[in-house]
């Protein structure tokens, strides 16, 4: 329980620090983390595409934003956030599942599948973004498509991990009123 509380505090602190302190230092585009969350680039005012991303990356006025997005926003802060959030979701799932008699016999590693999928997909996405931003990987139609797929997988997997905790929490709440 204490482990979950510590992870919760760290996750919230990292989220708030990234959102309101660190990312805003690198312009609006980095503040909203457009590549990971949005379908458009705020400074460009157009849909996110291979062309608009290439234009943004090539814009000399965005060089500080590009660098800041990679370091410190993605590395190390987003990596620390994804680890804390993933661990929080995993440990919370186990804690909640163990309280339910009919689920307590399941092996605990089962509850780690969605959080680990989230952490793995987010670290791969962050690494691929950094590789494109630092020109280790060329921005092409294929690499943009892969980046979009990685983002979709990350979003789906974090939703699955959060949903798992929510369902287990709801079942725990229900068990207070009904024998499950």
N, C-alpha and C. Protein backbone atom coordinates (compact mmCIF):
# COMPACT_ATOMS: atom_id res chain seq x y z
N UNK A 1 0.82 -1.19 0.00
CA UNK A 1 0.00 0.00 0.00
C UNK A 1 0.87 1.26 0.00
N UNK A 2 1.92 1.27 0.82
CA UNK A 2 2.82 2.42 0.87
C UNK A 2 3.53 2.61 -0.47
N UNK A 3 3.88 1.49 -1.10
CA UNK A 3 4.54 1.54 -2.41
C UNK A 3 3.62 2.23 -3.42
N UNK A 4 2.35 1.89 -3.41
CA UNK A 4 1.39 2.50 -4.34
C UNK A 4 1.23 3.99 -4.06
N UNK A 5 1.21 4.35 -2.79
CA UNK A 5 1.07 5.77 -2.43
C UNK A 5 2.28 6.57 -2.91
N UNK A 6 3.46 6.01 -2.73
CA UNK A 6 4.69 6.69 -3.19
C UNK A 6 4.68 6.82 -4.71
N UNK A 7 4.31 5.75 -5.40
CA UNK A 7 4.25 5.80 -6.86
C UNK A 7 3.20 6.79 -7.34
N UNK A 8 2.07 6.87 -6.63
CA UNK A 8 1.04 7.84 -6.99
C UNK A 8 1.58 9.26 -6.88
N UNK A 9 2.24 9.57 -5.77
CA UNK A 9 2.79 10.91 -5.56
C UNK A 9 3.85 11.22 -6.62
N UNK A 10 4.73 10.28 -6.90
CA UNK A 10 5.76 10.49 -7.93
C UNK A 10 5.14 10.70 -9.31
N UNK A 11 4.12 9.90 -9.64
CA UNK A 11 3.47 10.01 -10.94
C UNK A 11 2.81 11.38 -11.09
N UNK A 12 2.09 11.81 -10.07
CA UNK A 12 1.42 13.12 -10.12
C UNK A 12 2.46 14.24 -10.19
N UNK A 13 3.52 14.15 -9.40
CA UNK A 13 4.56 15.18 -9.40
C UNK A 13 5.24 15.27 -10.77
N UNK A 14 5.55 14.13 -11.37
CA UNK A 14 6.17 14.14 -12.69
C UNK A 14 5.22 14.69 -13.75
N UNK A 15 3.96 14.28 -13.68
CA UNK A 15 2.97 14.80 -14.63
C UNK A 15 2.87 16.32 -14.53
N UNK A 16 2.69 16.82 -13.31
CA UNK A 16 2.54 18.26 -13.12
C UNK A 16 3.82 19.02 -13.49
N UNK A 17 4.96 18.45 -13.12
CA UNK A 17 6.23 19.09 -13.47
C UNK A 17 6.44 19.16 -14.97
N UNK A 18 6.16 18.07 -15.65
CA UNK A 18 6.28 18.06 -17.11
C UNK A 18 5.30 19.04 -17.74
N UNK A 19 4.06 18.98 -17.30
CA UNK A 19 2.98 19.76 -17.94
C UNK A 19 3.10 21.25 -17.68
N UNK A 20 3.44 21.64 -16.45
CA UNK A 20 3.37 23.04 -16.09
C UNK A 20 4.70 23.73 -15.85
N UNK A 21 5.78 22.97 -15.73
CA UNK A 21 7.08 23.59 -15.45
C UNK A 21 8.06 23.39 -16.60
N UNK A 22 8.33 22.15 -16.98
CA UNK A 22 9.39 21.86 -17.94
C UNK A 22 8.96 22.08 -19.39
N UNK A 23 7.93 21.40 -19.84
CA UNK A 23 7.52 21.48 -21.25
C UNK A 23 7.19 22.90 -21.72
N UNK A 24 6.53 23.74 -20.91
CA UNK A 24 6.23 25.10 -21.37
C UNK A 24 7.46 25.95 -21.68
N UNK A 25 8.61 25.56 -21.17
CA UNK A 25 9.84 26.31 -21.45
C UNK A 25 10.26 26.22 -22.92
N UNK A 26 9.70 25.25 -23.64
CA UNK A 26 10.13 24.98 -25.01
C UNK A 26 9.04 25.28 -26.03
N UNK A 27 8.21 26.26 -25.77
CA UNK A 27 7.17 26.73 -26.69
C UNK A 27 5.91 25.88 -26.59
N UNK A 28 4.86 26.40 -27.16
CA UNK A 28 3.52 25.79 -27.08
C UNK A 28 3.49 24.38 -27.65
N UNK A 29 4.19 24.14 -28.74
CA UNK A 29 4.17 22.82 -29.36
C UNK A 29 4.66 21.73 -28.41
N UNK A 30 5.73 22.02 -27.70
CA UNK A 30 6.27 21.03 -26.75
C UNK A 30 5.39 20.98 -25.51
N UNK A 31 4.86 22.11 -25.10
CA UNK A 31 3.99 22.15 -23.92
C UNK A 31 2.81 21.19 -24.08
N UNK A 32 2.22 21.13 -25.26
CA UNK A 32 1.07 20.24 -25.47
C UNK A 32 1.49 18.86 -25.95
N UNK A 33 2.82 18.67 -26.14
CA UNK A 33 3.36 17.37 -26.55
C UNK A 33 2.62 16.85 -27.77
N UNK A 34 2.54 17.71 -28.79
CA UNK A 34 1.71 17.46 -29.97
C UNK A 34 1.92 16.11 -30.61
N UNK A 35 3.15 15.65 -30.65
CA UNK A 35 3.44 14.42 -31.36
C UNK A 35 2.87 13.19 -30.66
N UNK A 36 2.74 13.28 -29.35
CA UNK A 36 2.25 12.15 -28.57
C UNK A 36 0.76 12.20 -28.27
N UNK A 37 0.14 13.38 -28.42
CA UNK A 37 -1.24 13.53 -27.96
C UNK A 37 -2.21 14.12 -28.97
N UNK A 38 -1.73 14.91 -29.89
CA UNK A 38 -2.62 15.66 -30.77
C UNK A 38 -2.51 15.20 -32.22
N UNK A 39 -3.43 15.66 -33.00
CA UNK A 39 -3.42 15.37 -34.43
C UNK A 39 -3.05 16.60 -35.25
N UNK A 40 -2.48 17.61 -34.58
CA UNK A 40 -2.06 18.81 -35.28
C UNK A 40 -0.87 19.44 -34.54
N UNK A 41 -0.17 20.33 -35.25
CA UNK A 41 0.94 21.06 -34.64
C UNK A 41 0.44 22.48 -34.38
N UNK A 42 0.30 22.88 -33.12
CA UNK A 42 -0.28 24.19 -32.82
C UNK A 42 0.37 25.37 -33.56
N UNK A 43 1.69 25.42 -33.62
CA UNK A 43 2.36 26.55 -34.27
C UNK A 43 2.16 26.55 -35.78
N UNK A 44 1.85 25.39 -36.34
CA UNK A 44 1.65 25.28 -37.78
C UNK A 44 0.19 25.47 -38.15
N UNK A 45 -0.70 25.21 -37.20
CA UNK A 45 -2.13 25.37 -37.45
C UNK A 45 -2.68 24.43 -38.50
N UNK A 46 -2.05 23.28 -38.62
CA UNK A 46 -2.53 22.30 -39.59
C UNK A 46 -2.40 20.89 -39.05
N UNK A 47 -3.03 19.95 -39.74
CA UNK A 47 -3.02 18.57 -39.31
C UNK A 47 -1.60 18.02 -39.26
N UNK A 48 -1.37 17.15 -38.29
CA UNK A 48 -0.08 16.49 -38.17
C UNK A 48 0.07 15.50 -39.32
N UNK A 49 1.12 15.67 -40.09
CA UNK A 49 1.41 14.78 -41.21
C UNK A 49 2.92 14.70 -41.36
N UNK A 50 3.36 13.84 -42.22
CA UNK A 50 4.80 13.75 -42.49
C UNK A 50 5.32 15.11 -42.96
N UNK A 51 4.57 15.77 -43.83
CA UNK A 51 4.99 17.07 -44.38
C UNK A 51 5.05 18.14 -43.31
N UNK A 52 3.98 18.24 -42.49
CA UNK A 52 3.97 19.29 -41.46
C UNK A 52 5.03 19.03 -40.39
N UNK A 53 5.26 17.77 -40.05
CA UNK A 53 6.31 17.45 -39.08
C UNK A 53 7.68 17.77 -39.65
N UNK A 54 7.91 17.44 -40.91
CA UNK A 54 9.20 17.76 -41.56
C UNK A 54 9.41 19.27 -41.58
N UNK A 55 8.37 20.02 -41.85
CA UNK A 55 8.47 21.49 -41.87
C UNK A 55 8.82 22.00 -40.48
N UNK A 56 8.16 21.45 -39.45
CA UNK A 56 8.43 21.87 -38.08
C UNK A 56 9.86 21.54 -37.68
N UNK A 57 10.30 20.32 -38.00
CA UNK A 57 11.67 19.92 -37.66
C UNK A 57 12.71 20.75 -38.39
N UNK A 58 12.40 21.17 -39.61
CA UNK A 58 13.34 21.96 -40.40
C UNK A 58 13.33 23.45 -40.10
N UNK A 59 12.35 23.91 -39.36
CA UNK A 59 12.23 25.33 -39.03
C UNK A 59 13.28 25.70 -37.98
N UNK A 60 14.22 26.54 -38.36
CA UNK A 60 15.32 26.92 -37.46
C UNK A 60 14.81 27.59 -36.18
N UNK A 61 13.65 28.25 -36.25
CA UNK A 61 13.11 28.89 -35.05
C UNK A 61 12.59 27.85 -34.04
N UNK A 62 12.47 26.60 -34.46
CA UNK A 62 11.99 25.54 -33.57
C UNK A 62 13.13 24.68 -33.02
N UNK A 63 14.38 25.03 -33.32
CA UNK A 63 15.49 24.16 -32.92
C UNK A 63 15.56 23.94 -31.40
N UNK A 64 15.28 24.99 -30.62
CA UNK A 64 15.29 24.83 -29.17
C UNK A 64 14.13 23.93 -28.72
N UNK A 65 12.98 24.07 -29.37
CA UNK A 65 11.83 23.23 -29.05
C UNK A 65 12.12 21.77 -29.39
N UNK A 66 12.75 21.53 -30.54
CA UNK A 66 13.09 20.16 -30.95
C UNK A 66 14.04 19.53 -29.93
N UNK A 67 15.08 20.26 -29.57
CA UNK A 67 16.04 19.75 -28.58
C UNK A 67 15.39 19.55 -27.22
N UNK A 68 14.57 20.50 -26.79
CA UNK A 68 13.91 20.40 -25.50
C UNK A 68 12.91 19.26 -25.43
N UNK A 69 12.29 18.97 -26.56
CA UNK A 69 11.33 17.85 -26.60
C UNK A 69 12.07 16.55 -26.28
N UNK A 70 13.26 16.39 -26.86
CA UNK A 70 14.03 15.17 -26.63
C UNK A 70 14.63 15.16 -25.22
N UNK A 71 15.32 16.24 -24.86
CA UNK A 71 15.93 16.35 -23.54
C UNK A 71 15.64 17.72 -22.98
N UNK A 72 14.96 17.85 -21.92
CA UNK A 72 14.67 16.87 -20.87
C UNK A 72 13.25 16.29 -20.91
N UNK A 73 12.40 16.69 -21.87
CA UNK A 73 11.00 16.27 -21.81
C UNK A 73 10.85 14.75 -21.95
N UNK A 74 11.32 14.18 -23.09
CA UNK A 74 11.19 12.73 -23.26
C UNK A 74 12.17 11.97 -22.39
N UNK A 75 13.42 12.38 -22.48
CA UNK A 75 14.49 11.74 -21.71
C UNK A 75 15.11 12.77 -20.79
N UNK A 76 15.04 12.66 -19.54
CA UNK A 76 14.62 11.51 -18.73
C UNK A 76 13.19 11.60 -18.18
N UNK A 77 12.54 12.79 -18.27
CA UNK A 77 11.30 12.98 -17.50
C UNK A 77 10.13 12.10 -17.94
N UNK A 78 9.87 12.00 -19.24
CA UNK A 78 8.75 11.14 -19.67
C UNK A 78 9.05 9.68 -19.37
N UNK A 79 10.30 9.29 -19.47
CA UNK A 79 10.67 7.91 -19.14
C UNK A 79 10.41 7.63 -17.65
N UNK A 80 10.79 8.57 -16.81
CA UNK A 80 10.51 8.41 -15.37
C UNK A 80 9.00 8.36 -15.12
N UNK A 81 8.25 9.22 -15.82
CA UNK A 81 6.80 9.23 -15.67
C UNK A 81 6.19 7.90 -16.09
N UNK A 82 6.58 7.39 -17.25
CA UNK A 82 5.98 6.14 -17.74
C UNK A 82 6.32 4.97 -16.83
N UNK A 83 7.51 4.98 -16.26
CA UNK A 83 7.88 3.91 -15.32
C UNK A 83 7.02 4.01 -14.05
N UNK A 84 6.89 5.22 -13.50
CA UNK A 84 6.08 5.39 -12.28
C UNK A 84 4.62 5.05 -12.55
N UNK A 85 4.06 5.53 -13.66
CA UNK A 85 2.67 5.24 -13.96
C UNK A 85 2.46 3.75 -14.20
N UNK A 86 3.34 3.14 -14.97
CA UNK A 86 3.21 1.70 -15.23
C UNK A 86 3.30 0.87 -13.97
N UNK A 87 4.27 1.20 -13.12
CA UNK A 87 4.40 0.47 -11.85
C UNK A 87 3.19 0.70 -10.96
N UNK A 88 2.71 1.93 -10.90
CA UNK A 88 1.52 2.23 -10.11
C UNK A 88 0.32 1.40 -10.59
N UNK A 89 0.11 1.36 -11.89
CA UNK A 89 -1.02 0.59 -12.44
C UNK A 89 -0.86 -0.91 -12.17
N UNK A 90 0.36 -1.41 -12.28
CA UNK A 90 0.60 -2.83 -12.02
C UNK A 90 0.40 -3.19 -10.56
N UNK A 91 1.02 -2.44 -9.66
CA UNK A 91 0.88 -2.74 -8.23
C UNK A 91 -0.56 -2.52 -7.75
N UNK A 92 -1.24 -1.50 -8.26
CA UNK A 92 -2.64 -1.26 -7.88
C UNK A 92 -3.51 -2.42 -8.35
N UNK A 93 -3.25 -2.92 -9.56
CA UNK A 93 -4.03 -4.06 -10.07
C UNK A 93 -3.87 -5.28 -9.18
N UNK A 94 -2.64 -5.57 -8.79
CA UNK A 94 -2.40 -6.73 -7.92
C UNK A 94 -3.08 -6.55 -6.57
N UNK A 95 -2.92 -5.38 -6.00
CA UNK A 95 -3.53 -5.09 -4.70
C UNK A 95 -5.05 -5.28 -4.76
N UNK A 96 -5.67 -4.77 -5.80
CA UNK A 96 -7.12 -4.87 -5.94
C UNK A 96 -7.57 -6.29 -6.27
N UNK A 97 -6.82 -6.98 -7.13
CA UNK A 97 -7.19 -8.35 -7.51
C UNK A 97 -7.07 -9.31 -6.33
N UNK A 98 -6.05 -9.13 -5.50
CA UNK A 98 -5.85 -10.01 -4.34
C UNK A 98 -6.96 -9.88 -3.31
N UNK A 99 -7.67 -8.76 -3.31
CA UNK A 99 -8.76 -8.55 -2.35
C UNK A 99 -10.04 -9.25 -2.78
N UNK A 100 -10.07 -9.70 -4.03
CA UNK A 100 -11.25 -10.37 -4.55
C UNK A 100 -11.01 -11.87 -4.54
N UNK A 101 -11.76 -12.58 -3.76
CA UNK A 101 -11.56 -14.02 -3.60
C UNK A 101 -11.51 -14.78 -4.91
N UNK A 102 -12.42 -14.49 -5.82
CA UNK A 102 -12.47 -15.24 -7.06
C UNK A 102 -11.33 -14.91 -8.02
N UNK A 103 -10.61 -13.84 -7.77
CA UNK A 103 -9.46 -13.49 -8.61
C UNK A 103 -8.12 -13.74 -7.93
N UNK A 104 -8.15 -13.98 -6.64
CA UNK A 104 -6.89 -14.12 -5.89
C UNK A 104 -6.08 -15.33 -6.31
N UNK A 105 -6.70 -16.31 -6.94
CA UNK A 105 -5.96 -17.50 -7.37
C UNK A 105 -5.23 -17.29 -8.71
N UNK A 106 -5.55 -16.22 -9.41
CA UNK A 106 -4.84 -15.94 -10.67
C UNK A 106 -3.39 -15.56 -10.35
N UNK A 107 -2.46 -15.97 -11.20
CA UNK A 107 -1.06 -15.56 -10.96
C UNK A 107 -0.92 -14.04 -11.09
N UNK A 108 -0.12 -13.46 -10.24
CA UNK A 108 -0.02 -12.00 -10.22
C UNK A 108 0.56 -11.41 -11.51
N UNK A 109 1.32 -12.20 -12.25
CA UNK A 109 1.90 -11.66 -13.49
C UNK A 109 0.83 -11.31 -14.51
N UNK A 110 -0.33 -11.93 -14.41
CA UNK A 110 -1.45 -11.63 -15.32
C UNK A 110 -1.80 -10.15 -15.27
N UNK A 111 -1.79 -9.57 -14.09
CA UNK A 111 -2.20 -8.18 -13.90
C UNK A 111 -1.14 -7.20 -14.39
N UNK A 112 0.05 -7.72 -14.66
CA UNK A 112 1.13 -6.86 -15.16
C UNK A 112 1.10 -6.71 -16.69
N UNK A 113 0.32 -7.52 -17.40
CA UNK A 113 0.35 -7.48 -18.87
C UNK A 113 0.01 -6.10 -19.43
N UNK A 114 -1.15 -5.50 -19.09
CA UNK A 114 -1.42 -4.16 -19.65
C UNK A 114 -0.41 -3.08 -19.22
N UNK A 115 -0.02 -3.00 -17.93
CA UNK A 115 0.96 -1.97 -17.58
C UNK A 115 2.32 -2.15 -18.27
N UNK A 116 2.78 -3.39 -18.41
CA UNK A 116 4.06 -3.63 -19.08
C UNK A 116 3.95 -3.30 -20.57
N UNK A 117 2.82 -3.64 -21.17
CA UNK A 117 2.61 -3.27 -22.59
C UNK A 117 2.64 -1.76 -22.75
N UNK A 118 2.01 -1.05 -21.80
CA UNK A 118 2.06 0.42 -21.85
C UNK A 118 3.49 0.93 -21.73
N UNK A 119 4.21 0.46 -20.72
CA UNK A 119 5.58 0.96 -20.51
C UNK A 119 6.46 0.66 -21.72
N UNK A 120 6.36 -0.54 -22.25
CA UNK A 120 7.18 -0.92 -23.41
C UNK A 120 6.83 -0.08 -24.62
N UNK A 121 5.54 0.10 -24.89
CA UNK A 121 5.15 0.87 -26.08
C UNK A 121 5.53 2.34 -25.93
N UNK A 122 5.43 2.89 -24.73
CA UNK A 122 5.79 4.30 -24.54
C UNK A 122 7.29 4.52 -24.67
N UNK A 123 8.10 3.61 -24.14
CA UNK A 123 9.55 3.78 -24.28
C UNK A 123 9.98 3.62 -25.73
N UNK A 124 9.34 2.71 -26.45
CA UNK A 124 9.66 2.55 -27.88
C UNK A 124 9.24 3.81 -28.63
N UNK A 125 8.06 4.34 -28.32
CA UNK A 125 7.61 5.58 -28.98
C UNK A 125 8.57 6.73 -28.69
N UNK A 126 8.93 6.92 -27.42
CA UNK A 126 9.86 8.00 -27.05
C UNK A 126 11.19 7.86 -27.78
N UNK A 127 11.70 6.65 -27.83
CA UNK A 127 12.99 6.40 -28.51
C UNK A 127 12.89 6.70 -29.99
N UNK A 128 11.78 6.32 -30.61
CA UNK A 128 11.60 6.56 -32.04
C UNK A 128 11.44 8.05 -32.34
N UNK A 129 10.71 8.76 -31.48
CA UNK A 129 10.60 10.22 -31.63
C UNK A 129 11.98 10.85 -31.55
N UNK A 130 12.74 10.47 -30.53
CA UNK A 130 14.09 11.03 -30.37
C UNK A 130 14.97 10.71 -31.57
N UNK A 131 14.86 9.50 -32.10
CA UNK A 131 15.66 9.10 -33.27
C UNK A 131 15.31 9.95 -34.48
N UNK A 132 14.04 10.25 -34.67
CA UNK A 132 13.64 11.11 -35.79
C UNK A 132 14.09 12.54 -35.54
N UNK A 133 13.88 13.04 -34.33
CA UNK A 133 14.24 14.43 -34.02
C UNK A 133 15.75 14.66 -34.10
N UNK A 134 16.54 13.66 -33.77
CA UNK A 134 18.00 13.78 -33.80
C UNK A 134 18.59 13.27 -35.13
N UNK A 135 17.72 12.96 -36.09
CA UNK A 135 18.10 12.54 -37.45
C UNK A 135 18.84 11.20 -37.50
N UNK A 136 18.63 10.35 -36.50
CA UNK A 136 19.17 8.99 -36.58
C UNK A 136 18.29 8.13 -37.49
N UNK A 137 17.02 8.50 -37.58
CA UNK A 137 16.06 7.85 -38.46
C UNK A 137 15.47 8.95 -39.35
N UNK A 138 15.45 8.71 -40.64
CA UNK A 138 14.90 9.70 -41.57
C UNK A 138 13.38 9.74 -41.43
N UNK A 139 12.84 10.95 -41.56
CA UNK A 139 11.40 11.10 -41.56
C UNK A 139 10.89 10.79 -42.97
N UNK A 140 10.26 9.66 -43.11
CA UNK A 140 9.70 9.22 -44.39
C UNK A 140 8.23 8.87 -44.17
N UNK A 141 7.55 8.55 -45.24
CA UNK A 141 6.16 8.12 -45.12
C UNK A 141 6.07 6.91 -44.20
N UNK A 142 6.99 5.95 -44.38
CA UNK A 142 6.98 4.74 -43.56
C UNK A 142 7.29 5.03 -42.10
N UNK A 143 8.31 5.86 -41.84
CA UNK A 143 8.66 6.15 -40.45
C UNK A 143 7.55 6.96 -39.76
N UNK A 144 6.90 7.86 -40.51
CA UNK A 144 5.79 8.61 -39.93
C UNK A 144 4.62 7.68 -39.61
N UNK A 145 4.35 6.75 -40.51
CA UNK A 145 3.29 5.77 -40.30
C UNK A 145 3.60 4.91 -39.07
N UNK A 146 4.86 4.49 -38.93
CA UNK A 146 5.27 3.69 -37.78
C UNK A 146 5.12 4.50 -36.49
N UNK A 147 5.53 5.76 -36.53
CA UNK A 147 5.40 6.62 -35.35
C UNK A 147 3.93 6.77 -34.96
N UNK A 148 3.07 6.96 -35.93
CA UNK A 148 1.63 7.07 -35.65
C UNK A 148 1.09 5.78 -35.05
N UNK A 149 1.55 4.64 -35.56
CA UNK A 149 1.12 3.35 -35.02
C UNK A 149 1.62 3.16 -33.59
N UNK A 150 2.86 3.53 -33.33
CA UNK A 150 3.40 3.42 -31.97
C UNK A 150 2.61 4.27 -30.98
N UNK A 151 2.24 5.47 -31.41
CA UNK A 151 1.44 6.35 -30.55
C UNK A 151 0.08 5.73 -30.27
N UNK A 152 -0.55 5.18 -31.30
CA UNK A 152 -1.86 4.54 -31.12
C UNK A 152 -1.76 3.34 -30.18
N UNK A 153 -0.70 2.56 -30.33
CA UNK A 153 -0.51 1.40 -29.44
C UNK A 153 -0.30 1.85 -28.00
N UNK A 154 0.49 2.90 -27.82
CA UNK A 154 0.72 3.43 -26.47
C UNK A 154 -0.59 3.89 -25.84
N UNK A 155 -1.36 4.66 -26.59
CA UNK A 155 -2.62 5.18 -26.05
C UNK A 155 -3.58 4.05 -25.73
N UNK A 156 -3.68 3.07 -26.60
CA UNK A 156 -4.56 1.92 -26.36
C UNK A 156 -4.11 1.13 -25.14
N UNK A 157 -2.80 0.91 -25.02
CA UNK A 157 -2.30 0.10 -23.91
C UNK A 157 -2.44 0.82 -22.56
N UNK A 158 -2.25 2.13 -22.53
CA UNK A 158 -2.43 2.84 -21.25
C UNK A 158 -3.90 2.87 -20.89
N UNK A 159 -4.78 3.00 -21.88
CA UNK A 159 -6.22 2.94 -21.60
C UNK A 159 -6.59 1.57 -21.04
N UNK A 160 -6.00 0.51 -21.59
CA UNK A 160 -6.28 -0.85 -21.10
C UNK A 160 -5.81 -1.00 -19.66
N UNK A 161 -4.61 -0.49 -19.35
CA UNK A 161 -4.07 -0.61 -18.00
C UNK A 161 -4.90 0.19 -17.00
N UNK A 162 -5.32 1.39 -17.38
CA UNK A 162 -6.16 2.20 -16.50
C UNK A 162 -7.53 1.54 -16.34
N UNK A 163 -8.07 1.01 -17.42
CA UNK A 163 -9.37 0.33 -17.36
C UNK A 163 -9.31 -0.89 -16.45
N UNK A 164 -8.20 -1.60 -16.50
CA UNK A 164 -8.04 -2.77 -15.62
C UNK A 164 -8.13 -2.36 -14.16
N UNK A 165 -7.43 -1.29 -13.79
CA UNK A 165 -7.48 -0.80 -12.41
C UNK A 165 -8.89 -0.34 -12.07
N UNK A 166 -9.54 0.36 -13.00
CA UNK A 166 -10.90 0.86 -12.75
C UNK A 166 -11.88 -0.29 -12.54
N UNK A 167 -11.80 -1.32 -13.37
CA UNK A 167 -12.70 -2.47 -13.24
C UNK A 167 -12.43 -3.20 -11.92
N UNK A 168 -11.16 -3.43 -11.61
CA UNK A 168 -10.84 -4.11 -10.35
C UNK A 168 -11.29 -3.27 -9.16
N UNK A 169 -11.12 -1.96 -9.27
CA UNK A 169 -11.59 -1.07 -8.20
C UNK A 169 -13.10 -1.12 -8.05
N UNK A 170 -13.81 -1.12 -9.18
CA UNK A 170 -15.27 -1.18 -9.14
C UNK A 170 -15.74 -2.51 -8.54
N UNK A 171 -15.06 -3.60 -8.91
CA UNK A 171 -15.42 -4.91 -8.34
C UNK A 171 -15.18 -4.93 -6.82
N UNK A 172 -14.10 -4.30 -6.38
CA UNK A 172 -13.84 -4.21 -4.94
C UNK A 172 -14.93 -3.41 -4.24
N UNK A 173 -15.33 -2.33 -4.85
CA UNK A 173 -16.39 -1.51 -4.28
C UNK A 173 -17.71 -2.30 -4.25
N UNK A 174 -18.01 -2.98 -5.31
CA UNK A 174 -19.21 -3.79 -5.39
C UNK A 174 -19.19 -4.90 -4.34
N UNK A 175 -18.01 -5.45 -4.08
CA UNK A 175 -17.92 -6.54 -3.10
C UNK A 175 -18.24 -6.09 -1.67
N UNK A 176 -18.24 -4.78 -1.45
CA UNK A 176 -18.64 -4.28 -0.13
C UNK A 176 -20.13 -4.43 0.09
N UNK A 177 -20.89 -4.50 -1.01
CA UNK A 177 -22.35 -4.56 -0.92
C UNK A 177 -22.93 -5.91 -1.33
N UNK A 178 -22.18 -6.63 -2.16
CA UNK A 178 -22.66 -7.92 -2.68
C UNK A 178 -21.54 -8.93 -2.56
N UNK A 179 -21.86 -10.16 -2.23
CA UNK A 179 -20.85 -11.20 -2.18
C UNK A 179 -20.53 -11.64 -3.61
N UNK A 180 -19.27 -11.47 -3.96
CA UNK A 180 -18.85 -11.84 -5.33
C UNK A 180 -18.12 -13.15 -5.30
